[in-house]
Amino acid sequence: MFGNGAVSKPQHVTIQNKSKTTAVTFSSIVASGDFAMVSGCGVTIGPKSKCSVTVTFSPTALGTRGGTLTIRSNANNSPSSVGLTGIGTQAKE
């Protein structure tokens, strides 16, 4: 839970390429809502590899806040998305 204007500690989302032979090339990785991507995976991950995307939360209002991390690539299941949720609380003075 974070007060309005406060930024959360970075959280990590792991992206895994399960293909044994094909690299995944990203065209975009974008966070929406009150979430921001701090660092990403680069452009490509090799077969049977993983990478980590770092996301922070900065609420603009009180209560439950939702967002999405959308991953667009050359993978068969593209675009993929991850739901993000945070709770905005009254800022402490």
C-alpha atoms as a PDB file:
ATOM      1  CA  MET A   1       0.000   0.000   0.000  1.00  0.00           C
ATOM      2  CA  PHE A   2       1.373   3.377  -0.967  1.00  0.00           C
ATOM      3  CA  GLY A   3       0.234   6.943  -0.406  1.00  0.00           C
ATOM      4  CA  ASN A   4      -0.583   9.193  -3.340  1.00  0.00           C
ATOM      5  CA  GLY A   5       2.656  10.330  -4.967  1.00  0.00           C
ATOM      6  CA  ALA A   6       4.723   7.609  -3.291  1.00  0.00           C
ATOM      7  CA  VAL A   7       6.596   5.141  -5.500  1.00  0.00           C
ATOM      8  CA  SER A   8       6.794   1.461  -4.553  1.00  0.00           C
ATOM      9  CA  LYS A   9       9.909  -0.621  -4.378  1.00  0.00           C
ATOM     10  CA  PRO A  10      10.585  -2.198  -7.777  1.00  0.00           C
ATOM     11  CA  GLN A  11       8.813  -5.496  -8.445  1.00  0.00           C
ATOM     12  CA  HIS A  12      10.017  -8.020 -11.009  1.00  0.00           C
ATOM     13  CA  VAL A  13       8.057  -9.892 -13.666  1.00  0.00           C
ATOM     14  CA  THR A  14       9.875 -12.814 -15.304  1.00  0.00           C
ATOM     15  CA  ILE A  15       9.369 -13.490 -19.006  1.00  0.00           C
ATOM     16  CA  GLN A  16      10.348 -16.974 -20.172  1.00  0.00           C
ATOM     17  CA  ASN A  17      10.983 -18.218 -23.695  1.00  0.00           C
ATOM     18  CA  LYS A  18      10.033 -21.921 -23.631  1.00  0.00           C
ATOM     19  CA  SER A  19      11.000 -22.562 -27.260  1.00  0.00           C
ATOM     20  CA  LYS A  20      13.944 -24.919 -27.707  1.00  0.00           C
ATOM     21  CA  THR A  21      15.012 -23.378 -31.016  1.00  0.00           C
ATOM     22  CA  THR A  22      13.542 -19.902 -31.640  1.00  0.00           C
ATOM     23  CA  ALA A  23      14.527 -16.580 -30.076  1.00  0.00           C
ATOM     24  CA  VAL A  24      11.821 -14.141 -29.010  1.00  0.00           C
ATOM     25  CA  THR A  25      12.129 -10.597 -30.330  1.00  0.00           C
ATOM     26  CA  PHE A  26      10.171  -7.922 -28.456  1.00  0.00           C
ATOM     27  CA  SER A  27       8.525  -5.071 -30.329  1.00  0.00           C
ATOM     28  CA  SER A  28       7.295  -3.442 -27.102  1.00  0.00           C
ATOM     29  CA  ILE A  29       6.855  -3.998 -23.376  1.00  0.00           C
ATOM     30  CA  VAL A  30       4.594  -1.365 -21.791  1.00  0.00           C
ATOM     31  CA  ALA A  31       3.037  -0.843 -18.347  1.00  0.00           C
ATOM     32  CA  SER A  32      -0.314   0.944 -18.038  1.00  0.00           C
ATOM     33  CA  GLY A  33      -2.344   2.555 -15.273  1.00  0.00           C
ATOM     34  CA  ASP A  34      -0.450   3.744 -12.197  1.00  0.00           C
ATOM     35  CA  PHE A  35       2.468   1.466 -13.064  1.00  0.00           C
ATOM     36  CA  ALA A  36       5.737   2.244 -14.824  1.00  0.00           C
ATOM     37  CA  MET A  37       8.340  -0.031 -16.341  1.00  0.00           C
ATOM     38  CA  VAL A  38      11.746   0.844 -14.863  1.00  0.00           C
ATOM     39  CA  SER A  39      13.833  -1.639 -16.841  1.00  0.00           C
ATOM     40  CA  GLY A  40      13.101  -4.237 -19.465  1.00  0.00           C
ATOM     41  CA  CYS A  41      14.471  -7.275 -21.215  1.00  0.00           C
ATOM     42  CA  GLY A  42      16.243  -5.711 -24.144  1.00  0.00           C
ATOM     43  CA  VAL A  43      15.227  -6.625 -27.684  1.00  0.00           C
ATOM     44  CA  THR A  44      15.711 -10.420 -27.819  1.00  0.00           C
ATOM     45  CA  ILE A  45      15.897 -13.436 -25.501  1.00  0.00           C
ATOM     46  CA  GLY A  46      17.260 -16.725 -26.740  1.00  0.00           C
ATOM     47  CA  PRO A  47      15.641 -20.155 -26.705  1.00  0.00           C
ATOM     48  CA  LYS A  48      14.988 -21.619 -23.231  1.00  0.00           C
ATOM     49  CA  SER A  49      15.966 -18.262 -21.657  1.00  0.00           C
ATOM     50  CA  LYS A  50      14.387 -15.838 -19.183  1.00  0.00           C
ATOM     51  CA  CYS A  51      14.537 -12.115 -18.602  1.00  0.00           C
ATOM     52  CA  SER A  52      13.117  -9.799 -15.958  1.00  0.00           C
ATOM     53  CA  VAL A  53      11.034  -6.641 -16.319  1.00  0.00           C
ATOM     54  CA  THR A  54      11.056  -4.237 -13.365  1.00  0.00           C
ATOM     55  CA  VAL A  55       7.853  -2.330 -12.572  1.00  0.00           C
ATOM     56  CA  THR A  56       6.976   0.314  -9.957  1.00  0.00           C
ATOM     57  CA  PHE A  57       3.602   1.504  -8.652  1.00  0.00           C
ATOM     58  CA  SER A  58       2.783   5.179  -8.017  1.00  0.00           C
ATOM     59  CA  PRO A  59      -0.921   5.608  -7.150  1.00  0.00           C
ATOM     60  CA  THR A  60      -2.798   8.635  -8.438  1.00  0.00           C
ATOM     61  CA  ALA A  61      -5.878   7.973  -6.263  1.00  0.00           C
ATOM     62  CA  LEU A  62      -6.952   6.099  -3.143  1.00  0.00           C
ATOM     63  CA  GLY A  63      -8.081   2.489  -3.268  1.00  0.00           C
ATOM     64  CA  THR A  64      -7.324  -0.448  -5.511  1.00  0.00           C
ATOM     65  CA  ARG A  65      -5.569   0.557  -8.712  1.00  0.00           C
ATOM     66  CA  GLY A  66      -5.152  -1.746 -11.681  1.00  0.00           C
ATOM     67  CA  GLY A  67      -2.863  -1.830 -14.658  1.00  0.00           C
ATOM     68  CA  THR A  68      -1.401  -4.163 -17.227  1.00  0.00           C
ATOM     69  CA  LEU A  69       2.060  -5.096 -18.431  1.00  0.00           C
ATOM     70  CA  THR A  70       1.635  -5.768 -22.162  1.00  0.00           C
ATOM     71  CA  ILE A  71       4.324  -7.712 -24.031  1.00  0.00           C
ATOM     72  CA  ARG A  72       4.360  -7.657 -27.835  1.00  0.00           C
ATOM     73  CA  SER A  73       6.758  -9.959 -29.680  1.00  0.00           C
ATOM     74  CA  ASN A  74       7.128 -12.470 -32.488  1.00  0.00           C
ATOM     75  CA  ALA A  75       5.834 -15.259 -30.177  1.00  0.00           C
ATOM     76  CA  ASN A  76       2.719 -17.192 -31.240  1.00  0.00           C
ATOM     77  CA  ASN A  77       0.756 -15.979 -28.196  1.00  0.00           C
ATOM     78  CA  SER A  78       1.580 -12.282 -28.697  1.00  0.00           C
ATOM     79  CA  PRO A  79       0.474  -9.988 -27.282  1.00  0.00           C
ATOM     80  CA  SER A  80       0.717 -11.364 -23.754  1.00  0.00           C
ATOM     81  CA  SER A  81      -0.349  -9.457 -20.682  1.00  0.00           C
ATOM     82  CA  VAL A  82       0.151  -9.547 -16.932  1.00  0.00           C
ATOM     83  CA  GLY A  83      -2.395  -7.949 -14.598  1.00  0.00           C
ATOM     84  CA  LEU A  84      -0.953  -5.510 -12.059  1.00  0.00           C
ATOM     85  CA  THR A  85      -2.675  -4.353  -8.851  1.00  0.00           C
ATOM     86  CA  GLY A  86      -1.731  -1.898  -6.116  1.00  0.00           C
ATOM     87  CA  ILE A  87      -3.547  -0.062  -3.330  1.00  0.00           C
ATOM     88  CA  GLY A  88      -3.316   3.708  -2.931  1.00  0.00           C
ATOM     89  CA  THR A  89      -3.623   4.872   0.682  1.00  0.00           C
ATOM     90  CA  GLN A  90      -3.747   8.218   2.443  1.00  0.00           C
ATOM     91  CA  ALA A  91      -0.264   9.726   2.467  1.00  0.00           C
ATOM     92  CA  LYS A  92       1.350   9.899   5.936  1.00  0.00           C
ATOM     93  CA  GLU A  93       2.429  13.342   7.034  1.00  0.00           C
END
